[in-house]
PDB file of N, CA and C in Angstrom:
ATOM      1  N   UNK A   1      -4.969 -44.913  11.562  1.00  0.00           N
ATOM      2  CA  UNK A   1      -4.019 -43.904  11.142  1.00  0.00           C
ATOM      3  C   UNK A   1      -4.634 -42.522  11.290  1.00  0.00           C
ATOM      4  N   UNK A   2      -3.814 -41.612  11.668  1.00  0.00           N
ATOM      5  CA  UNK A   2      -4.302 -40.244  11.780  1.00  0.00           C
ATOM      6  C   UNK A   2      -3.960 -39.482  10.505  1.00  0.00           C
ATOM      7  N   UNK A   3      -4.899 -38.652  10.123  1.00  0.00           N
ATOM      8  CA  UNK A   3      -4.730 -37.875   8.911  1.00  0.00           C
ATOM      9  C   UNK A   3      -4.152 -36.515   9.281  1.00  0.00           C
ATOM     10  N   UNK A   4      -3.135 -36.095   8.573  1.00  0.00           N
ATOM     11  CA  UNK A   4      -2.500 -34.810   8.837  1.00  0.00           C
ATOM     12  C   UNK A   4      -3.122 -33.778   7.916  1.00  0.00           C
ATOM     13  N   UNK A   5      -3.655 -32.730   8.529  1.00  0.00           N
ATOM     14  CA  UNK A   5      -4.255 -31.645   7.759  1.00  0.00           C
ATOM     15  C   UNK A   5      -3.323 -30.451   7.852  1.00  0.00           C
ATOM     16  N   UNK A   6      -2.944 -29.956   6.692  1.00  0.00           N
ATOM     17  CA  UNK A   6      -2.064 -28.786   6.678  1.00  0.00           C
ATOM     18  C   UNK A   6      -2.844 -27.607   6.127  1.00  0.00           C
ATOM     19  N   UNK A   7      -2.787 -26.527   6.825  1.00  0.00           N
ATOM     20  CA  UNK A   7      -3.412 -25.289   6.380  1.00  0.00           C
ATOM     21  C   UNK A   7      -2.323 -24.266   6.142  1.00  0.00           C
ATOM     22  N   UNK A   8      -2.242 -23.801   4.920  1.00  0.00           N
ATOM     23  CA  UNK A   8      -1.283 -22.756   4.603  1.00  0.00           C
ATOM     24  C   UNK A   8      -1.897 -21.419   5.003  1.00  0.00           C
ATOM     25  N   UNK A   9      -1.315 -20.767   5.999  1.00  0.00           N
ATOM     26  CA  UNK A   9      -1.888 -19.514   6.510  1.00  0.00           C
ATOM     27  C   UNK A   9      -1.818 -18.392   5.486  1.00  0.00           C
ATOM     28  N   UNK A  10      -0.975 -18.542   4.491  1.00  0.00           N
ATOM     29  CA  UNK A  10      -0.847 -17.512   3.457  1.00  0.00           C
ATOM     30  C   UNK A  10      -1.500 -17.943   2.146  1.00  0.00           C
ATOM     31  N   UNK A  11      -2.433 -18.887   2.217  1.00  0.00           N
ATOM     32  CA  UNK A  11      -3.096 -19.375   1.016  1.00  0.00           C
ATOM     33  C   UNK A  11      -3.886 -18.244   0.367  1.00  0.00           C
ATOM     34  N   UNK A  12      -3.751 -18.147  -0.956  1.00  0.00           N
ATOM     35  CA  UNK A  12      -4.364 -17.052  -1.701  1.00  0.00           C
ATOM     36  C   UNK A  12      -5.771 -17.427  -2.166  1.00  0.00           C
ATOM     37  N   UNK A  13      -6.678 -16.487  -2.052  1.00  0.00           N
ATOM     38  CA  UNK A  13      -8.065 -16.674  -2.470  1.00  0.00           C
ATOM     39  C   UNK A  13      -8.166 -16.650  -3.994  1.00  0.00           C
ATOM     40  N   UNK A  14      -9.220 -17.234  -4.508  1.00  0.00           N
ATOM     41  CA  UNK A  14      -9.479 -17.203  -5.938  1.00  0.00           C
ATOM     42  C   UNK A  14     -10.180 -15.931  -6.383  1.00  0.00           C
ATOM     43  N   UNK A  15     -10.561 -15.105  -5.450  1.00  0.00           N
ATOM     44  CA  UNK A  15     -11.248 -13.854  -5.782  1.00  0.00           C
ATOM     45  C   UNK A  15     -10.242 -12.801  -6.240  1.00  0.00           C
ATOM     46  N   UNK A  16     -10.697 -11.907  -7.103  1.00  0.00           N
ATOM     47  CA  UNK A  16      -9.826 -10.883  -7.678  1.00  0.00           C
ATOM     48  C   UNK A  16      -9.562  -9.756  -6.679  1.00  0.00           C
ATOM     49  N   UNK A  17      -8.290  -9.460  -6.472  1.00  0.00           N
ATOM     50  CA  UNK A  17      -7.903  -8.377  -5.577  1.00  0.00           C
ATOM     51  C   UNK A  17      -8.325  -7.029  -6.152  1.00  0.00           C
ATOM     52  N   UNK A  18      -8.167  -6.866  -7.461  1.00  0.00           N
ATOM     53  CA  UNK A  18      -8.515  -5.592  -8.114  1.00  0.00           C
ATOM     54  C   UNK A  18     -10.015  -5.335  -7.999  1.00  0.00           C
ATOM     55  N   UNK A  19     -10.825  -6.365  -8.250  1.00  0.00           N
ATOM     56  CA  UNK A  19     -12.276  -6.201  -8.131  1.00  0.00           C
ATOM     57  C   UNK A  19     -12.659  -5.846  -6.704  1.00  0.00           C
ATOM     58  N   UNK A  20     -12.052  -6.523  -5.735  1.00  0.00           N
ATOM     59  CA  UNK A  20     -12.335  -6.233  -4.332  1.00  0.00           C
ATOM     60  C   UNK A  20     -11.932  -4.807  -3.974  1.00  0.00           C
ATOM     61  N   UNK A  21     -10.778  -4.381  -4.450  1.00  0.00           N
ATOM     62  CA  UNK A  21     -10.300  -3.021  -4.179  1.00  0.00           C
ATOM     63  C   UNK A  21     -11.244  -1.978  -4.773  1.00  0.00           C
ATOM     64  N   UNK A  22     -11.651  -2.165  -6.018  1.00  0.00           N
ATOM     65  CA  UNK A  22     -12.550  -1.208  -6.663  1.00  0.00           C
ATOM     66  C   UNK A  22     -13.920  -1.179  -5.980  1.00  0.00           C
ATOM     67  N   UNK A  23     -14.423  -2.337  -5.606  1.00  0.00           N
ATOM     68  CA  UNK A  23     -15.697  -2.377  -4.885  1.00  0.00           C
ATOM     69  C   UNK A  23     -15.589  -1.664  -3.542  1.00  0.00           C
ATOM     70  N   UNK A  24     -14.460  -1.828  -2.879  1.00  0.00           N
ATOM     71  CA  UNK A  24     -14.258  -1.181  -1.590  1.00  0.00           C
ATOM     72  C   UNK A  24     -14.154   0.334  -1.734  1.00  0.00           C
ATOM     73  N   UNK A  25     -13.465   0.789  -2.768  1.00  0.00           N
ATOM     74  CA  UNK A  25     -13.295   2.228  -2.979  1.00  0.00           C
ATOM     75  C   UNK A  25     -14.624   2.900  -3.307  1.00  0.00           C
ATOM     76  N   UNK A  26     -15.383   2.305  -4.243  1.00  0.00           N
ATOM     77  CA  UNK A  26     -16.582   2.968  -4.730  1.00  0.00           C
ATOM     78  C   UNK A  26     -17.860   2.600  -3.977  1.00  0.00           C
ATOM     79  N   UNK A  27     -17.947   1.370  -3.469  1.00  0.00           N
ATOM     80  CA  UNK A  27     -19.178   0.929  -2.827  1.00  0.00           C
ATOM     81  C   UNK A  27     -18.939   0.252  -1.483  1.00  0.00           C
ATOM     82  N   UNK A  28     -17.794   0.494  -0.877  1.00  0.00           N
ATOM     83  CA  UNK A  28     -17.473  -0.133   0.393  1.00  0.00           C
ATOM     84  C   UNK A  28     -18.422   0.251   1.506  1.00  0.00           C
ATOM     85  N   UNK A  29     -18.918   1.471   1.472  1.00  0.00           N
ATOM     86  CA  UNK A  29     -19.843   1.924   2.511  1.00  0.00           C
ATOM     87  C   UNK A  29     -21.172   1.164   2.461  1.00  0.00           C
ATOM     88  N   UNK A  30     -21.473   0.525   1.323  1.00  0.00           N
ATOM     89  CA  UNK A  30     -22.683  -0.290   1.190  1.00  0.00           C
ATOM     90  C   UNK A  30     -22.400  -1.782   1.365  1.00  0.00           C
ATOM     91  N   UNK A  31     -21.176  -2.118   1.716  1.00  0.00           N
ATOM     92  CA  UNK A  31     -20.831  -3.506   2.004  1.00  0.00           C
ATOM     93  C   UNK A  31     -20.563  -4.371   0.788  1.00  0.00           C
ATOM     94  N   UNK A  32     -20.477  -3.781  -0.417  1.00  0.00           N
ATOM     95  CA  UNK A  32     -20.278  -4.581  -1.622  1.00  0.00           C
ATOM     96  C   UNK A  32     -18.977  -5.371  -1.579  1.00  0.00           C
ATOM     97  N   UNK A  33     -17.942  -4.813  -0.952  1.00  0.00           N
ATOM     98  CA  UNK A  33     -16.671  -5.527  -0.854  1.00  0.00           C
ATOM     99  C   UNK A  33     -16.829  -6.801  -0.027  1.00  0.00           C
ATOM    100  N   UNK A  34     -17.594  -6.733   1.027  1.00  0.00           N
ATOM    101  CA  UNK A  34     -17.820  -7.906   1.874  1.00  0.00           C
ATOM    102  C   UNK A  34     -18.729  -8.918   1.183  1.00  0.00           C
ATOM    103  N   UNK A  35     -19.712  -8.452   0.430  1.00  0.00           N
ATOM    104  CA  UNK A  35     -20.544  -9.371  -0.338  1.00  0.00           C
ATOM    105  C   UNK A  35     -19.684 -10.139  -1.341  1.00  0.00           C
ATOM    106  N   UNK A  36     -18.780  -9.432  -2.016  1.00  0.00           N
ATOM    107  CA  UNK A  36     -17.907 -10.069  -2.997  1.00  0.00           C
ATOM    108  C   UNK A  36     -16.992 -11.106  -2.341  1.00  0.00           C
ATOM    109  N   UNK A  37     -16.545 -10.820  -1.145  1.00  0.00           N
ATOM    110  CA  UNK A  37     -15.663 -11.746  -0.428  1.00  0.00           C
ATOM    111  C   UNK A  37     -16.437 -12.911   0.191  1.00  0.00           C
ATOM    112  N   UNK A  38     -17.749 -12.897   0.067  1.00  0.00           N
ATOM    113  CA  UNK A  38     -18.567 -13.981   0.592  1.00  0.00           C
ATOM    114  C   UNK A  38     -19.023 -13.784   2.023  1.00  0.00           C
ATOM    115  N   UNK A  39     -18.703 -12.653   2.596  1.00  0.00           N
ATOM    116  CA  UNK A  39     -19.089 -12.361   3.978  1.00  0.00           C
ATOM    117  C   UNK A  39     -20.435 -11.633   3.973  1.00  0.00           C
ATOM    118  N   UNK A  40     -21.483 -12.405   3.715  1.00  0.00           N
ATOM    119  CA  UNK A  40     -22.813 -11.841   3.485  1.00  0.00           C
ATOM    120  C   UNK A  40     -23.351 -11.109   4.721  1.00  0.00           C
ATOM    121  N   UNK A  41     -23.280 -11.730   5.880  1.00  0.00           N
ATOM    122  CA  UNK A  41     -23.867 -11.124   7.082  1.00  0.00           C
ATOM    123  C   UNK A  41     -23.172  -9.838   7.489  1.00  0.00           C
ATOM    124  N   UNK A  42     -21.852  -9.788   7.396  1.00  0.00           N
ATOM    125  CA  UNK A  42     -21.180  -8.534   7.745  1.00  0.00           C
ATOM    126  C   UNK A  42     -21.386  -7.487   6.654  1.00  0.00           C
ATOM    127  N   UNK A  43     -21.617  -7.926   5.422  1.00  0.00           N
ATOM    128  CA  UNK A  43     -21.964  -6.987   4.353  1.00  0.00           C
ATOM    129  C   UNK A  43     -23.316  -6.344   4.615  1.00  0.00           C
ATOM    130  N   UNK A  44     -24.270  -7.156   5.056  1.00  0.00           N
ATOM    131  CA  UNK A  44     -25.601  -6.634   5.395  1.00  0.00           C
ATOM    132  C   UNK A  44     -25.496  -5.669   6.581  1.00  0.00           C
ATOM    133  N   UNK A  45     -24.692  -6.041   7.571  1.00  0.00           N
ATOM    134  CA  UNK A  45     -24.516  -5.178   8.737  1.00  0.00           C
ATOM    135  C   UNK A  45     -23.863  -3.849   8.358  1.00  0.00           C
ATOM    136  N   UNK A  46     -22.851  -3.904   7.508  1.00  0.00           N
ATOM    137  CA  UNK A  46     -22.149  -2.693   7.083  1.00  0.00           C
ATOM    138  C   UNK A  46     -23.075  -1.782   6.278  1.00  0.00           C
ATOM    139  N   UNK A  47     -23.842  -2.360   5.358  1.00  0.00           N
ATOM    140  CA  UNK A  47     -24.795  -1.577   4.569  1.00  0.00           C
ATOM    141  C   UNK A  47     -25.896  -1.020   5.458  1.00  0.00           C
ATOM    142  N   UNK A  48     -26.388  -1.825   6.381  1.00  0.00           N
ATOM    143  CA  UNK A  48     -27.434  -1.385   7.294  1.00  0.00           C
ATOM    144  C   UNK A  48     -26.974  -0.241   8.174  1.00  0.00           C
ATOM    145  N   UNK A  49     -25.744  -0.321   8.646  1.00  0.00           N
ATOM    146  CA  UNK A  49     -25.189   0.741   9.481  1.00  0.00           C
ATOM    147  C   UNK A  49     -25.156   2.062   8.711  1.00  0.00           C
ATOM    148  N   UNK A  50     -24.741   1.995   7.453  1.00  0.00           N
ATOM    149  CA  UNK A  50     -24.689   3.202   6.635  1.00  0.00           C
ATOM    150  C   UNK A  50     -26.093   3.760   6.380  1.00  0.00           C
ATOM    151  N   UNK A  51     -27.023   2.892   5.996  1.00  0.00           N
ATOM    152  CA  UNK A  51     -28.384   3.333   5.686  1.00  0.00           C
ATOM    153  C   UNK A  51     -29.057   3.928   6.919  1.00  0.00           C
ATOM    154  N   UNK A  52     -28.929   3.272   8.054  1.00  0.00           N
ATOM    155  CA  UNK A  52     -29.506   3.804   9.296  1.00  0.00           C
ATOM    156  C   UNK A  52     -28.853   5.139   9.654  1.00  0.00           C
ATOM    157  N   UNK A  53     -27.549   5.241   9.443  1.00  0.00           N
ATOM    158  CA  UNK A  53     -26.857   6.497   9.712  1.00  0.00           C
ATOM    159  C   UNK A  53     -27.376   7.635   8.853  1.00  0.00           C
ATOM    160  N   UNK A  54     -27.579   7.355   7.572  1.00  0.00           N
ATOM    161  CA  UNK A  54     -28.102   8.392   6.669  1.00  0.00           C
ATOM    162  C   UNK A  54     -29.526   8.776   7.049  1.00  0.00           C
ATOM    163  N   UNK A  55     -30.344   7.792   7.345  1.00  0.00           N
ATOM    164  CA  UNK A  55     -31.745   8.072   7.667  1.00  0.00           C
ATOM    165  C   UNK A  55     -31.922   8.787   9.002  1.00  0.00           C
ATOM    166  N   UNK A  56     -30.980   8.618   9.909  1.00  0.00           N
ATOM    167  CA  UNK A  56     -31.128   9.249  11.224  1.00  0.00           C
ATOM    168  C   UNK A  56     -30.329  10.544  11.371  1.00  0.00           C
ATOM    169  N   UNK A  57     -29.749  11.036  10.294  1.00  0.00           N
ATOM    170  CA  UNK A  57     -29.056  12.327  10.394  1.00  0.00           C
ATOM    171  C   UNK A  57     -30.033  13.457  10.678  1.00  0.00           C
ATOM    172  N   UNK A  58     -31.282  13.268  10.301  1.00  0.00           N
ATOM    173  CA  UNK A  58     -32.311  14.280  10.550  1.00  0.00           C
ATOM    174  C   UNK A  58     -32.476  14.509  12.051  1.00  0.00           C
ATOM    175  N   UNK A  59     -32.348  13.446  12.837  1.00  0.00           N
ATOM    176  CA  UNK A  59     -32.489  13.587  14.284  1.00  0.00           C
ATOM    177  C   UNK A  59     -31.120  13.509  14.985  1.00  0.00           C
ATOM    178  N   UNK A  60     -30.078  13.736  14.219  1.00  0.00           N
ATOM    179  CA  UNK A  60     -28.703  13.872  14.695  1.00  0.00           C
ATOM    180  C   UNK A  60     -28.055  12.596  15.224  1.00  0.00           C
ATOM    181  N   UNK A  61     -28.775  11.492  15.286  1.00  0.00           N
ATOM    182  CA  UNK A  61     -28.162  10.224  15.692  1.00  0.00           C
ATOM    183  C   UNK A  61     -27.199   9.747  14.608  1.00  0.00           C
ATOM    184  N   UNK A  62     -27.544  10.043  13.361  1.00  0.00           N
ATOM    185  CA  UNK A  62     -26.714   9.637  12.238  1.00  0.00           C
ATOM    186  C   UNK A  62     -25.314  10.214  12.275  1.00  0.00           C
ATOM    187  N   UNK A  63     -25.159  11.365  12.934  1.00  0.00           N
ATOM    188  CA  UNK A  63     -23.830  11.966  13.032  1.00  0.00           C
ATOM    189  C   UNK A  63     -22.915  11.175  13.957  1.00  0.00           C
ATOM    190  N   UNK A  64     -23.474  10.257  14.717  1.00  0.00           N
ATOM    191  CA  UNK A  64     -22.694   9.336  15.537  1.00  0.00           C
ATOM    192  C   UNK A  64     -22.468   8.028  14.772  1.00  0.00           C
ATOM    193  N   UNK A  65     -23.487   7.575  14.056  1.00  0.00           N
ATOM    194  CA  UNK A  65     -23.423   6.294  13.361  1.00  0.00           C
ATOM    195  C   UNK A  65     -22.563   6.364  12.109  1.00  0.00           C
ATOM    196  N   UNK A  66     -22.670   7.435  11.328  1.00  0.00           N
ATOM    197  CA  UNK A  66     -21.930   7.530  10.069  1.00  0.00           C
ATOM    198  C   UNK A  66     -20.411   7.496  10.241  1.00  0.00           C
ATOM    199  N   UNK A  67     -19.835   8.157  11.246  1.00  0.00           N
ATOM    200  CA  UNK A  67     -18.385   8.013  11.429  1.00  0.00           C
ATOM    201  C   UNK A  67     -17.957   6.579  11.742  1.00  0.00           C
ATOM    202  N   UNK A  68     -18.798   5.834  12.446  1.00  0.00           N
ATOM    203  CA  UNK A  68     -18.486   4.430  12.729  1.00  0.00           C
ATOM    204  C   UNK A  68     -18.453   3.645  11.419  1.00  0.00           C
ATOM    205  N   UNK A  69     -19.446   3.873  10.565  1.00  0.00           N
ATOM    206  CA  UNK A  69     -19.484   3.207   9.262  1.00  0.00           C
ATOM    207  C   UNK A  69     -18.282   3.623   8.410  1.00  0.00           C
ATOM    208  N   UNK A  70     -17.901   4.884   8.497  1.00  0.00           N
ATOM    209  CA  UNK A  70     -16.749   5.372   7.739  1.00  0.00           C
ATOM    210  C   UNK A  70     -15.441   4.753   8.189  1.00  0.00           C
ATOM    211  N   UNK A  71     -15.272   4.608   9.492  1.00  0.00           N
ATOM    212  CA  UNK A  71     -14.053   3.991  10.020  1.00  0.00           C
ATOM    213  C   UNK A  71     -13.991   2.521   9.602  1.00  0.00           C
ATOM    214  N   UNK A  72     -15.115   1.830   9.649  1.00  0.00           N
ATOM    215  CA  UNK A  72     -15.164   0.425   9.228  1.00  0.00           C
ATOM    216  C   UNK A  72     -14.786   0.297   7.749  1.00  0.00           C
ATOM    217  N   UNK A  73     -15.320   1.196   6.906  1.00  0.00           N
ATOM    218  CA  UNK A  73     -15.011   1.176   5.480  1.00  0.00           C
ATOM    219  C   UNK A  73     -13.539   1.465   5.242  1.00  0.00           C
ATOM    220  N   UNK A  74     -12.996   2.434   5.943  1.00  0.00           N
ATOM    221  CA  UNK A  74     -11.575   2.767   5.805  1.00  0.00           C
ATOM    222  C   UNK A  74     -10.692   1.620   6.283  1.00  0.00           C
ATOM    223  N   UNK A  75     -11.067   0.974   7.370  1.00  0.00           N
ATOM    224  CA  UNK A  75     -10.319  -0.165   7.892  1.00  0.00           C
ATOM    225  C   UNK A  75     -10.285  -1.294   6.863  1.00  0.00           C
ATOM    226  N   UNK A  76     -11.438  -1.611   6.278  1.00  0.00           N
ATOM    227  CA  UNK A  76     -11.485  -2.658   5.257  1.00  0.00           C
ATOM    228  C   UNK A  76     -10.617  -2.294   4.061  1.00  0.00           C
ATOM    229  N   UNK A  77     -10.668  -1.045   3.638  1.00  0.00           N
ATOM    230  CA  UNK A  77      -9.862  -0.597   2.496  1.00  0.00           C
ATOM    231  C   UNK A  77      -8.371  -0.753   2.776  1.00  0.00           C
ATOM    232  N   UNK A  78      -7.944  -0.375   3.958  1.00  0.00           N
ATOM    233  CA  UNK A  78      -6.530  -0.519   4.329  1.00  0.00           C
ATOM    234  C   UNK A  78      -6.126  -1.988   4.368  1.00  0.00           C
ATOM    235  N   UNK A  79      -6.990  -2.839   4.916  1.00  0.00           N
ATOM    236  CA  UNK A  79      -6.701  -4.280   4.967  1.00  0.00           C
ATOM    237  C   UNK A  79      -6.586  -4.864   3.556  1.00  0.00           C
ATOM    238  N   UNK A  80      -7.430  -4.408   2.640  1.00  0.00           N
ATOM    239  CA  UNK A  80      -7.384  -4.893   1.262  1.00  0.00           C
ATOM    240  C   UNK A  80      -6.093  -4.449   0.590  1.00  0.00           C
ATOM    241  N   UNK A  81      -5.733  -3.184   0.743  1.00  0.00           N
ATOM    242  CA  UNK A  81      -4.517  -2.667   0.120  1.00  0.00           C
ATOM    243  C   UNK A  81      -3.277  -3.399   0.637  1.00  0.00           C
ATOM    244  N   UNK A  82      -3.261  -3.712   1.928  1.00  0.00           N
ATOM    245  CA  UNK A  82      -2.116  -4.405   2.531  1.00  0.00           C
ATOM    246  C   UNK A  82      -2.110  -5.911   2.252  1.00  0.00           C
ATOM    247  N   UNK A  83      -3.183  -6.433   1.653  1.00  0.00           N
ATOM    248  CA  UNK A  83      -3.256  -7.857   1.362  1.00  0.00           C
ATOM    249  C   UNK A  83      -3.573  -8.703   2.577  1.00  0.00           C
ATOM    250  N   UNK A  84      -4.200  -8.122   3.580  1.00  0.00           N
ATOM    251  CA  UNK A  84      -4.531  -8.833   4.823  1.00  0.00           C
ATOM    252  C   UNK A  84      -6.019  -9.118   4.959  1.00  0.00           C
ATOM    253  N   UNK A  85      -6.802  -8.841   3.920  1.00  0.00           N
ATOM    254  CA  UNK A  85      -8.242  -9.074   3.960  1.00  0.00           C
ATOM    255  C   UNK A  85      -8.519 -10.524   3.582  1.00  0.00           C
ATOM    256  N   UNK A  86      -9.310 -11.212   4.404  1.00  0.00           N
ATOM    257  CA  UNK A  86      -9.625 -12.617   4.159  1.00  0.00           C
ATOM    258  C   UNK A  86     -11.042 -12.763   3.618  1.00  0.00           C
ATOM    259  N   UNK A  87     -11.219 -13.753   2.733  1.00  0.00           N
ATOM    260  CA  UNK A  87     -12.556 -14.052   2.236  1.00  0.00           C
ATOM    261  C   UNK A  87     -13.281 -14.974   3.200  1.00  0.00           C
ATOM    262  N   UNK A  88     -14.438 -15.449   2.820  1.00  0.00           N
ATOM    263  CA  UNK A  88     -15.248 -16.281   3.704  1.00  0.00           C
ATOM    264  C   UNK A  88     -14.571 -17.612   4.012  1.00  0.00           C
ATOM    265  N   UNK A  89     -13.677 -18.060   3.160  1.00  0.00           N
ATOM    266  CA  UNK A  89     -12.960 -19.318   3.376  1.00  0.00           C
ATOM    267  C   UNK A  89     -11.702 -19.151   4.222  1.00  0.00           C
ATOM    268  N   UNK A  90     -11.412 -17.928   4.634  1.00  0.00           N
ATOM    269  CA  UNK A  90     -10.229 -17.673   5.448  1.00  0.00           C
ATOM    270  C   UNK A  90      -8.953 -17.521   4.645  1.00  0.00           C
ATOM    271  N   UNK A  91      -9.098 -17.351   3.322  1.00  0.00           N
ATOM    272  CA  UNK A  91      -7.939 -17.174   2.439  1.00  0.00           C
ATOM    273  C   UNK A  91      -7.738 -15.688   2.170  1.00  0.00           C
ATOM    274  N   UNK A  92      -6.479 -15.291   2.038  1.00  0.00           N
ATOM    275  CA  UNK A  92      -6.164 -13.893   1.788  1.00  0.00           C
ATOM    276  C   UNK A  92      -6.463 -13.526   0.336  1.00  0.00           C
ATOM    277  N   UNK A  93      -7.102 -12.368   0.160  1.00  0.00           N
ATOM    278  CA  UNK A  93      -7.330 -11.827  -1.176  1.00  0.00           C
ATOM    279  C   UNK A  93      -6.166 -10.889  -1.444  1.00  0.00           C
ATOM    280  N   UNK A  94      -5.229 -11.353  -2.266  1.00  0.00           N
ATOM    281  CA  UNK A  94      -4.001 -10.597  -2.517  1.00  0.00           C
ATOM    282  C   UNK A  94      -3.890 -10.239  -3.992  1.00  0.00           C
ATOM    283  N   UNK A  95      -3.116  -9.181  -4.252  1.00  0.00           N
ATOM    284  CA  UNK A  95      -2.869  -8.757  -5.621  1.00  0.00           C
ATOM    285  C   UNK A  95      -1.736  -9.493  -6.264  1.00  0.00           C
TER     286      UNK A  95
END
């Protein structure tokens, strides 16, 4: 017999939408929102991008890197507000 697996594409995550939103607003540039959602590696990458951008502003490379980090943070914030941000399990974190 074959087993039928159903995946609800709109399945809601157990993580708090409000907590994710607040983390994204205040600490999103450091990747805290992604850490909370369980996306550890992209959280490290997002935080690293910001830190490298800040450290390299002295030699003007940071002025290229920081806008990239800012756009990524803004994109995540918009996705969270719209309820389209997924956690590590592929479930939507919705309010």
